Structures are given as C-alpha cells and as structure tokens.
C-alpha cells in the first residue's frame, strides 16, 4: 500500500503535542482494527474519508484495490462526501438482501 508523508499541519500538531497527548493518540490508534490502522499510513487527510468508504473495499478484488484507492483519491472532496453518504445505504440494502439484521 502506498504511504504518504504526514501533512505539515498534522506533523506540526504531533510535534507540538505533550507526551500525554501523544500517549492518548497512540492508545486510540492501537484500539483500532488493523484495516483502520493501515488507512492512516495514507496520511491524515486520506485516512478520515477512507474509513467512511472502507466497507466498499469488501467488493473490490484484491488486485484492483490499489487502482480503486487511486480513483477515490482523485475524486473531488464533494464527490467523496457523496460516496461517504451512500455507504450506509449500501450496507442496509446488502443486509436486507442477505436476510441479516442491521
């Protein structure tokens, strides 16, 4: 998976944070599942929106995930927001189709 260097703002905030704050951030990070942790390797800007569309990757073949991620990254922020709003609807429809309760 490609990695990105931290944005200047995030790196600066981290560098300026107290040891206690850094420990809280580390604890919150460690509490996330591995998929969420890997998302953060893409940088703070991408990680936030990627978490909201991560369920879509269950439908993407492994060999196509890098290209899919690149496509998502190339979208305008408003398009990513539209997609983010659709994900919960897709989950509900998928659950109804399979007979699983949401």
PDB file of N, CA and C in Angstrom:
ATOM      1  N   UNK A   1       0.847  -1.164   0.000  1.00  0.00           N
ATOM      2  CA  UNK A   1       0.000   0.000   0.000  1.00  0.00           C
ATOM      3  C   UNK A   1       0.896   1.232   0.000  1.00  0.00           C
ATOM      4  N   UNK A   2       0.574   2.239  -0.801  1.00  0.00           N
ATOM      5  CA  UNK A   2       1.420   3.420  -0.836  1.00  0.00           C
ATOM      6  C   UNK A   2       1.331   4.174   0.473  1.00  0.00           C
ATOM      7  N   UNK A   3       2.408   4.827   0.839  1.00  0.00           N
ATOM      8  CA  UNK A   3       2.382   5.649   2.035  1.00  0.00           C
ATOM      9  C   UNK A   3       2.589   7.090   1.647  1.00  0.00           C
ATOM     10  N   UNK A   4       2.095   7.954   2.470  1.00  0.00           N
ATOM     11  CA  UNK A   4       2.243   9.379   2.226  1.00  0.00           C
ATOM     12  C   UNK A   4       2.972   9.981   3.407  1.00  0.00           C
ATOM     13  N   UNK A   5       3.708  11.029   3.153  1.00  0.00           N
ATOM     14  CA  UNK A   5       4.335  11.723   4.254  1.00  0.00           C
ATOM     15  C   UNK A   5       3.264  12.513   4.975  1.00  0.00           C
ATOM     16  N   UNK A   6       3.403  12.668   6.284  1.00  0.00           N
ATOM     17  CA  UNK A   6       2.394  13.418   7.017  1.00  0.00           C
ATOM     18  C   UNK A   6       2.299  14.841   6.504  1.00  0.00           C
ATOM     19  N   UNK A   7       1.095  15.365   6.543  1.00  0.00           N
ATOM     20  CA  UNK A   7       0.941  16.757   6.116  1.00  0.00           C
ATOM     21  C   UNK A   7       1.638  17.640   7.134  1.00  0.00           C
ATOM     22  N   UNK A   8       2.054  18.799   6.681  1.00  0.00           N
ATOM     23  CA  UNK A   8       2.732  19.728   7.576  1.00  0.00           C
ATOM     24  C   UNK A   8       1.926  20.030   8.813  1.00  0.00           C
ATOM     25  N   UNK A   9       0.616  20.211   8.676  1.00  0.00           N
ATOM     26  CA  UNK A   9      -0.233  20.536   9.819  1.00  0.00           C
ATOM     27  C   UNK A   9      -0.292  19.417  10.829  1.00  0.00           C
ATOM     28  N   UNK A  10      -0.494  18.203  10.377  1.00  0.00           N
ATOM     29  CA  UNK A  10      -0.590  17.061  11.294  1.00  0.00           C
ATOM     30  C   UNK A  10       0.752  16.796  11.955  1.00  0.00           C
ATOM     31  N   UNK A  11       1.821  16.849  11.182  1.00  0.00           N
ATOM     32  CA  UNK A  11       3.148  16.621  11.740  1.00  0.00           C
ATOM     33  C   UNK A  11       3.485  17.695  12.764  1.00  0.00           C
ATOM     34  N   UNK A  12       3.116  18.910  12.469  1.00  0.00           N
ATOM     35  CA  UNK A  12       3.372  20.013  13.399  1.00  0.00           C
ATOM     36  C   UNK A  12       2.592  19.833  14.686  1.00  0.00           C
ATOM     37  N   UNK A  13       1.298  19.483  14.574  1.00  0.00           N
ATOM     38  CA  UNK A  13       0.474  19.262  15.774  1.00  0.00           C
ATOM     39  C   UNK A  13       1.034  18.126  16.615  1.00  0.00           C
ATOM     40  N   UNK A  14       1.468  17.055  15.946  1.00  0.00           N
ATOM     41  CA  UNK A  14       2.043  15.935  16.677  1.00  0.00           C
ATOM     42  C   UNK A  14       3.333  16.360  17.386  1.00  0.00           C
ATOM     43  N   UNK A  15       4.173  17.073  16.679  1.00  0.00           N
ATOM     44  CA  UNK A  15       5.428  17.525  17.266  1.00  0.00           C
ATOM     45  C   UNK A  15       5.224  18.474  18.435  1.00  0.00           C
ATOM     46  N   UNK A  16       4.178  19.272  18.368  1.00  0.00           N
ATOM     47  CA  UNK A  16       3.896  20.243  19.424  1.00  0.00           C
ATOM     48  C   UNK A  16       3.136  19.645  20.605  1.00  0.00           C
ATOM     49  N   UNK A  17       2.580  18.456  20.438  1.00  0.00           N
ATOM     50  CA  UNK A  17       1.739  17.854  21.479  1.00  0.00           C
ATOM     51  C   UNK A  17       2.574  17.396  22.673  1.00  0.00           C
ATOM     52  N   UNK A  18       1.919  17.362  23.811  1.00  0.00           N
ATOM     53  CA  UNK A  18       2.587  16.868  25.022  1.00  0.00           C
ATOM     54  C   UNK A  18       2.742  15.353  24.949  1.00  0.00           C
ATOM     55  N   UNK A  19       3.600  14.818  25.777  1.00  0.00           N
ATOM     56  CA  UNK A  19       3.777  13.363  25.834  1.00  0.00           C
ATOM     57  C   UNK A  19       2.465  12.681  26.209  1.00  0.00           C
ATOM     58  N   UNK A  20       1.693  13.297  27.082  1.00  0.00           N
ATOM     59  CA  UNK A  20       0.404  12.723  27.491  1.00  0.00           C
ATOM     60  C   UNK A  20      -0.554  12.657  26.306  1.00  0.00           C
ATOM     61  N   UNK A  21      -0.589  13.725  25.514  1.00  0.00           N
ATOM     62  CA  UNK A  21      -1.468  13.737  24.338  1.00  0.00           C
ATOM     63  C   UNK A  21      -1.025  12.686  23.336  1.00  0.00           C
ATOM     64  N   UNK A  22       0.261  12.576  23.113  1.00  0.00           N
ATOM     65  CA  UNK A  22       0.763  11.567  22.189  1.00  0.00           C
ATOM     66  C   UNK A  22       0.401  10.160  22.667  1.00  0.00           C
ATOM     67  N   UNK A  23       0.489   9.935  23.969  1.00  0.00           N
ATOM     68  CA  UNK A  23       0.129   8.628  24.524  1.00  0.00           C
ATOM     69  C   UNK A  23      -1.362   8.350  24.300  1.00  0.00           C
ATOM     70  N   UNK A  24      -2.216   9.361  24.451  1.00  0.00           N
ATOM     71  CA  UNK A  24      -3.660   9.178  24.204  1.00  0.00           C
ATOM     72  C   UNK A  24      -3.916   8.858  22.736  1.00  0.00           C
ATOM     73  N   UNK A  25      -3.204   9.566  21.844  1.00  0.00           N
ATOM     74  CA  UNK A  25      -3.361   9.289  20.409  1.00  0.00           C
ATOM     75  C   UNK A  25      -2.904   7.871  20.083  1.00  0.00           C
ATOM     76  N   UNK A  26      -1.785   7.457  20.665  1.00  0.00           N
ATOM     77  CA  UNK A  26      -1.268   6.100  20.429  1.00  0.00           C
ATOM     78  C   UNK A  26      -2.266   5.064  20.934  1.00  0.00           C
ATOM     79  N   UNK A  27      -2.854   5.301  22.103  1.00  0.00           N
ATOM     80  CA  UNK A  27      -3.840   4.372  22.661  1.00  0.00           C
ATOM     81  C   UNK A  27      -5.062   4.270  21.747  1.00  0.00           C
ATOM     82  N   UNK A  28      -5.527   5.405  21.252  1.00  0.00           N
ATOM     83  CA  UNK A  28      -6.683   5.401  20.342  1.00  0.00           C
ATOM     84  C   UNK A  28      -6.335   4.671  19.044  1.00  0.00           C
ATOM     85  N   UNK A  29      -5.138   4.896  18.545  1.00  0.00           N
ATOM     86  CA  UNK A  29      -4.691   4.218  17.321  1.00  0.00           C
ATOM     87  C   UNK A  29      -4.613   2.716  17.544  1.00  0.00           C
ATOM     88  N   UNK A  30      -4.005   2.303  18.637  1.00  0.00           N
ATOM     89  CA  UNK A  30      -3.856   0.874  18.937  1.00  0.00           C
ATOM     90  C   UNK A  30      -5.198   0.178  19.121  1.00  0.00           C
ATOM     91  N   UNK A  31      -6.218   0.922  19.518  1.00  0.00           N
ATOM     92  CA  UNK A  31      -7.547   0.333  19.726  1.00  0.00           C
ATOM     93  C   UNK A  31      -8.279   0.070  18.406  1.00  0.00           C
ATOM     94  N   UNK A  32      -7.803   0.649  17.309  1.00  0.00           N
ATOM     95  CA  UNK A  32      -8.447   0.459  16.009  1.00  0.00           C
ATOM     96  C   UNK A  32      -8.065  -0.894  15.419  1.00  0.00           C
ATOM     97  N   UNK A  33      -8.949  -1.416  14.555  1.00  0.00           N
ATOM     98  CA  UNK A  33      -8.600  -2.663  13.876  1.00  0.00           C
ATOM     99  C   UNK A  33      -7.487  -2.403  12.861  1.00  0.00           C
ATOM    100  N   UNK A  34      -6.892  -3.488  12.389  1.00  0.00           N
ATOM    101  CA  UNK A  34      -5.729  -3.374  11.507  1.00  0.00           C
ATOM    102  C   UNK A  34      -6.046  -2.600  10.230  1.00  0.00           C
ATOM    103  N   UNK A  35      -7.227  -2.794   9.675  1.00  0.00           N
ATOM    104  CA  UNK A  35      -7.602  -2.067   8.463  1.00  0.00           C
ATOM    105  C   UNK A  35      -7.619  -0.564   8.682  1.00  0.00           C
ATOM    106  N   UNK A  36      -8.155  -0.151   9.826  1.00  0.00           N
ATOM    107  CA  UNK A  36      -8.183   1.281  10.140  1.00  0.00           C
ATOM    108  C   UNK A  36      -6.770   1.809  10.339  1.00  0.00           C
ATOM    109  N   UNK A  37      -5.927   1.032  11.008  1.00  0.00           N
ATOM    110  CA  UNK A  37      -4.544   1.466  11.209  1.00  0.00           C
ATOM    111  C   UNK A  37      -3.820   1.633   9.882  1.00  0.00           C
ATOM    112  N   UNK A  38      -4.045   0.700   8.974  1.00  0.00           N
ATOM    113  CA  UNK A  38      -3.393   0.804   7.656  1.00  0.00           C
ATOM    114  C   UNK A  38      -3.854   2.029   6.891  1.00  0.00           C
ATOM    115  N   UNK A  39      -5.103   2.408   7.084  1.00  0.00           N
ATOM    116  CA  UNK A  39      -5.614   3.606   6.410  1.00  0.00           C
ATOM    117  C   UNK A  39      -4.813   4.833   6.796  1.00  0.00           C
ATOM    118  N   UNK A  40      -4.389   4.895   8.033  1.00  0.00           N
ATOM    119  CA  UNK A  40      -3.641   6.065   8.496  1.00  0.00           C
ATOM    120  C   UNK A  40      -2.274   6.164   7.831  1.00  0.00           C
ATOM    121  N   UNK A  41      -1.767   5.066   7.299  1.00  0.00           N
ATOM    122  CA  UNK A  41      -0.485   5.108   6.594  1.00  0.00           C
ATOM    123  C   UNK A  41      -0.577   5.966   5.334  1.00  0.00           C
ATOM    124  N   UNK A  42      -1.792   6.211   4.877  1.00  0.00           N
ATOM    125  CA  UNK A  42      -2.000   7.039   3.689  1.00  0.00           C
ATOM    126  C   UNK A  42      -1.959   8.524   4.007  1.00  0.00           C
ATOM    127  N   UNK A  43      -1.867   8.855   5.278  1.00  0.00           N
ATOM    128  CA  UNK A  43      -1.831  10.246   5.694  1.00  0.00           C
ATOM    129  C   UNK A  43      -3.136  10.657   6.339  1.00  0.00           C
ATOM    130  N   UNK A  44      -3.098  11.698   7.150  1.00  0.00           N
ATOM    131  CA  UNK A  44      -4.278  12.099   7.911  1.00  0.00           C
ATOM    132  C   UNK A  44      -5.446  12.577   7.050  1.00  0.00           C
ATOM    133  N   UNK A  45      -5.162  13.195   5.917  1.00  0.00           N
ATOM    134  CA  UNK A  45      -6.263  13.681   5.083  1.00  0.00           C
ATOM    135  C   UNK A  45      -7.043  12.517   4.477  1.00  0.00           C
ATOM    136  N   UNK A  46      -6.322  11.525   3.967  1.00  0.00           N
ATOM    137  CA  UNK A  46      -6.984  10.387   3.329  1.00  0.00           C
ATOM    138  C   UNK A  46      -7.623   9.443   4.336  1.00  0.00           C
ATOM    139  N   UNK A  47      -6.972   9.269   5.456  1.00  0.00           N
ATOM    140  CA  UNK A  47      -7.450   8.277   6.426  1.00  0.00           C
ATOM    141  C   UNK A  47      -8.873   8.567   6.893  1.00  0.00           C
ATOM    142  N   UNK A  48      -9.185   9.819   7.113  1.00  0.00           N
ATOM    143  CA  UNK A  48     -10.520  10.169   7.594  1.00  0.00           C
ATOM    144  C   UNK A  48     -11.623   9.746   6.636  1.00  0.00           C
ATOM    145  N   UNK A  49     -11.498  10.121   5.380  1.00  0.00           N
ATOM    146  CA  UNK A  49     -12.558   9.758   4.429  1.00  0.00           C
ATOM    147  C   UNK A  49     -12.477   8.304   4.036  1.00  0.00           C
ATOM    148  N   UNK A  50     -11.285   7.730   4.067  1.00  0.00           N
ATOM    149  CA  UNK A  50     -11.164   6.328   3.685  1.00  0.00           C
ATOM    150  C   UNK A  50     -11.897   5.417   4.666  1.00  0.00           C
ATOM    151  N   UNK A  51     -11.883   5.776   5.932  1.00  0.00           N
ATOM    152  CA  UNK A  51     -12.598   4.964   6.920  1.00  0.00           C
ATOM    153  C   UNK A  51     -14.084   4.893   6.599  1.00  0.00           C
ATOM    154  N   UNK A  52     -14.637   5.975   6.114  1.00  0.00           N
ATOM    155  CA  UNK A  52     -16.074   6.000   5.847  1.00  0.00           C
ATOM    156  C   UNK A  52     -16.471   5.187   4.620  1.00  0.00           C
ATOM    157  N   UNK A  53     -15.538   4.942   3.698  1.00  0.00           N
ATOM    158  CA  UNK A  53     -15.864   4.157   2.497  1.00  0.00           C
ATOM    159  C   UNK A  53     -15.197   2.779   2.506  1.00  0.00           C
ATOM    160  N   UNK A  54     -14.517   2.456   3.584  1.00  0.00           N
ATOM    161  CA  UNK A  54     -13.806   1.186   3.675  1.00  0.00           C
ATOM    162  C   UNK A  54     -14.677  -0.037   3.394  1.00  0.00           C
ATOM    163  N   UNK A  55     -15.957  -0.051   3.805  1.00  0.00           N
ATOM    164  CA  UNK A  55     -16.791  -1.224   3.504  1.00  0.00           C
ATOM    165  C   UNK A  55     -16.893  -1.531   2.012  1.00  0.00           C
ATOM    166  N   UNK A  56     -16.728  -0.529   1.164  1.00  0.00           N
ATOM    167  CA  UNK A  56     -16.795  -0.766  -0.276  1.00  0.00           C
ATOM    168  C   UNK A  56     -15.673  -1.683  -0.750  1.00  0.00           C
ATOM    169  N   UNK A  57     -14.546  -1.678  -0.063  1.00  0.00           N
ATOM    170  CA  UNK A  57     -13.410  -2.490  -0.480  1.00  0.00           C
ATOM    171  C   UNK A  57     -13.673  -3.983  -0.330  1.00  0.00           C
ATOM    172  N   UNK A  58     -14.686  -4.347   0.414  1.00  0.00           N
ATOM    173  CA  UNK A  58     -15.044  -5.764   0.519  1.00  0.00           C
ATOM    174  C   UNK A  58     -15.507  -6.307  -0.827  1.00  0.00           C
ATOM    175  N   UNK A  59     -15.964  -5.429  -1.712  1.00  0.00           N
ATOM    176  CA  UNK A  59     -16.480  -5.825  -3.007  1.00  0.00           C
ATOM    177  C   UNK A  59     -15.440  -5.709  -4.125  1.00  0.00           C
ATOM    178  N   UNK A  60     -14.266  -5.215  -3.785  1.00  0.00           N
ATOM    179  CA  UNK A  60     -13.221  -4.980  -4.790  1.00  0.00           C
ATOM    180  C   UNK A  60     -12.198  -6.110  -4.716  1.00  0.00           C
ATOM    181  N   UNK A  61     -11.922  -6.771  -5.832  1.00  0.00           N
ATOM    182  CA  UNK A  61     -10.892  -7.812  -5.814  1.00  0.00           C
ATOM    183  C   UNK A  61      -9.555  -7.234  -5.350  1.00  0.00           C
ATOM    184  N   UNK A  62      -8.799  -8.032  -4.626  1.00  0.00           N
ATOM    185  CA  UNK A  62      -7.535  -7.577  -4.051  1.00  0.00           C
ATOM    186  C   UNK A  62      -6.632  -6.927  -5.089  1.00  0.00           C
ATOM    187  N   UNK A  63      -6.546  -7.525  -6.267  1.00  0.00           N
ATOM    188  CA  UNK A  63      -5.644  -6.987  -7.282  1.00  0.00           C
ATOM    189  C   UNK A  63      -6.108  -5.637  -7.842  1.00  0.00           C
ATOM    190  N   UNK A  64      -7.327  -5.220  -7.540  1.00  0.00           N
ATOM    191  CA  UNK A  64      -7.851  -3.946  -8.033  1.00  0.00           C
ATOM    192  C   UNK A  64      -7.917  -2.871  -6.950  1.00  0.00           C
ATOM    193  N   UNK A  65      -7.513  -3.193  -5.738  1.00  0.00           N
ATOM    194  CA  UNK A  65      -7.664  -2.240  -4.636  1.00  0.00           C
ATOM    195  C   UNK A  65      -6.776  -1.013  -4.762  1.00  0.00           C
ATOM    196  N   UNK A  66      -5.552  -1.186  -5.217  1.00  0.00           N
ATOM    197  CA  UNK A  66      -4.661  -0.025  -5.387  1.00  0.00           C
ATOM    198  C   UNK A  66      -5.248   0.956  -6.396  1.00  0.00           C
ATOM    199  N   UNK A  67      -5.738   0.437  -7.514  1.00  0.00           N
ATOM    200  CA  UNK A  67      -6.339   1.301  -8.535  1.00  0.00           C
ATOM    201  C   UNK A  67      -7.605   1.969  -7.995  1.00  0.00           C
ATOM    202  N   UNK A  68      -8.375   1.227  -7.214  1.00  0.00           N
ATOM    203  CA  UNK A  68      -9.595   1.795  -6.618  1.00  0.00           C
ATOM    204  C   UNK A  68      -9.252   2.911  -5.646  1.00  0.00           C
ATOM    205  N   UNK A  69      -8.217   2.696  -4.848  1.00  0.00           N
ATOM    206  CA  UNK A  69      -7.778   3.730  -3.909  1.00  0.00           C
ATOM    207  C   UNK A  69      -7.319   4.974  -4.664  1.00  0.00           C
ATOM    208  N   UNK A  70      -6.585   4.785  -5.731  1.00  0.00           N
ATOM    209  CA  UNK A  70      -6.133   5.924  -6.548  1.00  0.00           C
ATOM    210  C   UNK A  70      -7.329   6.670  -7.131  1.00  0.00           C
ATOM    211  N   UNK A  71      -8.333   5.926  -7.576  1.00  0.00           N
ATOM    212  CA  UNK A  71      -9.539   6.563  -8.108  1.00  0.00           C
ATOM    213  C   UNK A  71     -10.235   7.381  -7.030  1.00  0.00           C
ATOM    214  N   UNK A  72     -10.395   6.799  -5.852  1.00  0.00           N
ATOM    215  CA  UNK A  72     -11.030   7.530  -4.760  1.00  0.00           C
ATOM    216  C   UNK A  72     -10.243   8.789  -4.406  1.00  0.00           C
ATOM    217  N   UNK A  73      -8.930   8.669  -4.378  1.00  0.00           N
ATOM    218  CA  UNK A  73      -8.087   9.816  -4.040  1.00  0.00           C
ATOM    219  C   UNK A  73      -8.199  10.923  -5.089  1.00  0.00           C
ATOM    220  N   UNK A  74      -8.491  10.567  -6.328  1.00  0.00           N
ATOM    221  CA  UNK A  74      -8.578  11.568  -7.389  1.00  0.00           C
ATOM    222  C   UNK A  74      -9.920  12.301  -7.406  1.00  0.00           C
ATOM    223  N   UNK A  75     -10.895  11.801  -6.646  1.00  0.00           N
ATOM    224  CA  UNK A  75     -12.204  12.453  -6.616  1.00  0.00           C
ATOM    225  C   UNK A  75     -12.142  13.802  -5.915  1.00  0.00           C
ATOM    226  N   UNK A  76     -12.999  14.687  -6.345  1.00  0.00           N
ATOM    227  CA  UNK A  76     -13.162  15.961  -5.640  1.00  0.00           C
ATOM    228  C   UNK A  76     -13.706  15.668  -4.247  1.00  0.00           C
ATOM    229  N   UNK A  77     -13.389  16.490  -3.256  1.00  0.00           N
ATOM    230  CA  UNK A  77     -13.915  16.255  -1.904  1.00  0.00           C
ATOM    231  C   UNK A  77     -15.440  16.119  -1.855  1.00  0.00           C
ATOM    232  N   UNK A  78     -16.141  16.883  -2.663  1.00  0.00           N
ATOM    233  CA  UNK A  78     -17.608  16.793  -2.655  1.00  0.00           C
ATOM    234  C   UNK A  78     -18.086  15.435  -3.168  1.00  0.00           C
ATOM    235  N   UNK A  79     -17.385  14.873  -4.140  1.00  0.00           N
ATOM    236  CA  UNK A  79     -17.739  13.552  -4.658  1.00  0.00           C
ATOM    237  C   UNK A  79     -17.455  12.468  -3.610  1.00  0.00           C
ATOM    238  N   UNK A  80     -16.335  12.609  -2.892  1.00  0.00           N
ATOM    239  CA  UNK A  80     -16.043  11.651  -1.821  1.00  0.00           C
ATOM    240  C   UNK A  80     -17.089  11.745  -0.726  1.00  0.00           C
ATOM    241  N   UNK A  81     -17.550  12.945  -0.436  1.00  0.00           N
ATOM    242  CA  UNK A  81     -18.595  13.127   0.582  1.00  0.00           C
ATOM    243  C   UNK A  81     -19.894  12.473   0.122  1.00  0.00           C
ATOM    244  N   UNK A  82     -20.236  12.613  -1.135  1.00  0.00           N
ATOM    245  CA  UNK A  82     -21.433  11.948  -1.668  1.00  0.00           C
ATOM    246  C   UNK A  82     -21.313  10.435  -1.524  1.00  0.00           C
ATOM    247  N   UNK A  83     -20.162   9.913  -1.851  1.00  0.00           N
ATOM    248  CA  UNK A  83     -19.928   8.484  -1.733  1.00  0.00           C
ATOM    249  C   UNK A  83     -20.014   8.032  -0.273  1.00  0.00           C
ATOM    250  N   UNK A  84     -19.424   8.825   0.608  1.00  0.00           N
ATOM    251  CA  UNK A  84     -19.469   8.504   2.036  1.00  0.00           C
ATOM    252  C   UNK A  84     -20.907   8.406   2.538  1.00  0.00           C
ATOM    253  N   UNK A  85     -21.769   9.289   2.054  1.00  0.00           N
ATOM    254  CA  UNK A  85     -23.174   9.261   2.460  1.00  0.00           C
ATOM    255  C   UNK A  85     -23.920   8.044   1.922  1.00  0.00           C
ATOM    256  N   UNK A  86     -23.464   7.505   0.806  1.00  0.00           N
ATOM    257  CA  UNK A  86     -24.120   6.341   0.212  1.00  0.00           C
ATOM    258  C   UNK A  86     -23.753   5.015   0.897  1.00  0.00           C
ATOM    259  N   UNK A  87     -22.595   4.933   1.495  1.00  0.00           N
ATOM    260  CA  UNK A  87     -22.123   3.675   2.070  1.00  0.00           C
ATOM    261  C   UNK A  87     -23.109   3.081   3.080  1.00  0.00           C
ATOM    262  N   UNK A  88     -23.642   3.855   4.034  1.00  0.00           N
ATOM    263  CA  UNK A  88     -24.591   3.244   4.969  1.00  0.00           C
ATOM    264  C   UNK A  88     -25.823   2.664   4.267  1.00  0.00           C
ATOM    265  N   UNK A  89     -26.261   3.311   3.211  1.00  0.00           N
ATOM    266  CA  UNK A  89     -27.411   2.785   2.458  1.00  0.00           C
ATOM    267  C   UNK A  89     -27.069   1.459   1.794  1.00  0.00           C
ATOM    268  N   UNK A  90     -25.862   1.353   1.255  1.00  0.00           N
ATOM    269  CA  UNK A  90     -25.434   0.102   0.626  1.00  0.00           C
ATOM    270  C   UNK A  90     -25.369  -1.019   1.655  1.00  0.00           C
ATOM    271  N   UNK A  91     -24.904  -0.702   2.850  1.00  0.00           N
ATOM    272  CA  UNK A  91     -24.816  -1.708   3.901  1.00  0.00           C
ATOM    273  C   UNK A  91     -26.206  -2.215   4.272  1.00  0.00           C
ATOM    274  N   UNK A  92     -27.162  -1.284   4.399  1.00  0.00           N
ATOM    275  CA  UNK A  92     -28.529  -1.695   4.759  1.00  0.00           C
ATOM    276  C   UNK A  92     -29.138  -2.567   3.663  1.00  0.00           C
ATOM    277  N   UNK A  93     -28.951  -2.168   2.418  1.00  0.00           N
ATOM    278  CA  UNK A  93     -29.500  -2.955   1.307  1.00  0.00           C
ATOM    279  C   UNK A  93     -28.857  -4.326   1.231  1.00  0.00           C
ATOM    280  N   UNK A  94     -27.559  -4.378   1.433  1.00  0.00           N
ATOM    281  CA  UNK A  94     -26.851  -5.649   1.398  1.00  0.00           C
ATOM    282  C   UNK A  94     -27.336  -6.562   2.521  1.00  0.00           C
ATOM    283  N   UNK A  95     -27.551  -5.995   3.697  1.00  0.00           N
ATOM    284  CA  UNK A  95     -28.020  -6.781   4.832  1.00  0.00           C
ATOM    285  C   UNK A  95     -29.448  -7.280   4.589  1.00  0.00           C
ATOM    286  N   UNK A  96     -30.303  -6.433   4.026  1.00  0.00           N
ATOM    287  CA  UNK A  96     -31.677  -6.852   3.743  1.00  0.00           C
ATOM    288  C   UNK A  96     -31.699  -7.971   2.708  1.00  0.00           C
ATOM    289  N   UNK A  97     -30.857  -7.833   1.702  1.00  0.00           N
ATOM    290  CA  UNK A  97     -30.809  -8.849   0.641  1.00  0.00           C
ATOM    291  C   UNK A  97     -30.329 -10.186   1.186  1.00  0.00           C
ATOM    292  N   UNK A  98     -29.437 -10.143   2.168  1.00  0.00           N
ATOM    293  CA  UNK A  98     -28.908 -11.400   2.708  1.00  0.00           C
ATOM    294  C   UNK A  98     -29.724 -11.905   3.892  1.00  0.00           C
ATOM    295  N   UNK A  99     -30.696 -11.118   4.339  1.00  0.00           N
ATOM    296  CA  UNK A  99     -31.529 -11.523   5.461  1.00  0.00           C
ATOM    297  C   UNK A  99     -30.877 -11.296   6.812  1.00  0.00           C
ATOM    298  N   UNK A 100     -29.798 -10.504   6.849  1.00  0.00           N
ATOM    299  CA  UNK A 100     -29.108 -10.217   8.097  1.00  0.00           C
ATOM    300  C   UNK A 100     -29.653  -8.910   8.656  1.00  0.00           C
ATOM    301  N   UNK A 101     -29.892  -8.874   9.956  1.00  0.00           N
ATOM    302  CA  UNK A 101     -30.379  -7.648  10.585  1.00  0.00           C
ATOM    303  C   UNK A 101     -29.251  -6.646  10.703  1.00  0.00           C
ATOM    304  N   UNK A 102     -29.575  -5.367  10.486  1.00  0.00           N
ATOM    305  CA  UNK A 102     -28.556  -4.306  10.599  1.00  0.00           C
ATOM    306  C   UNK A 102     -28.384  -3.917  12.051  1.00  0.00           C
TER     307      UNK A 102
END
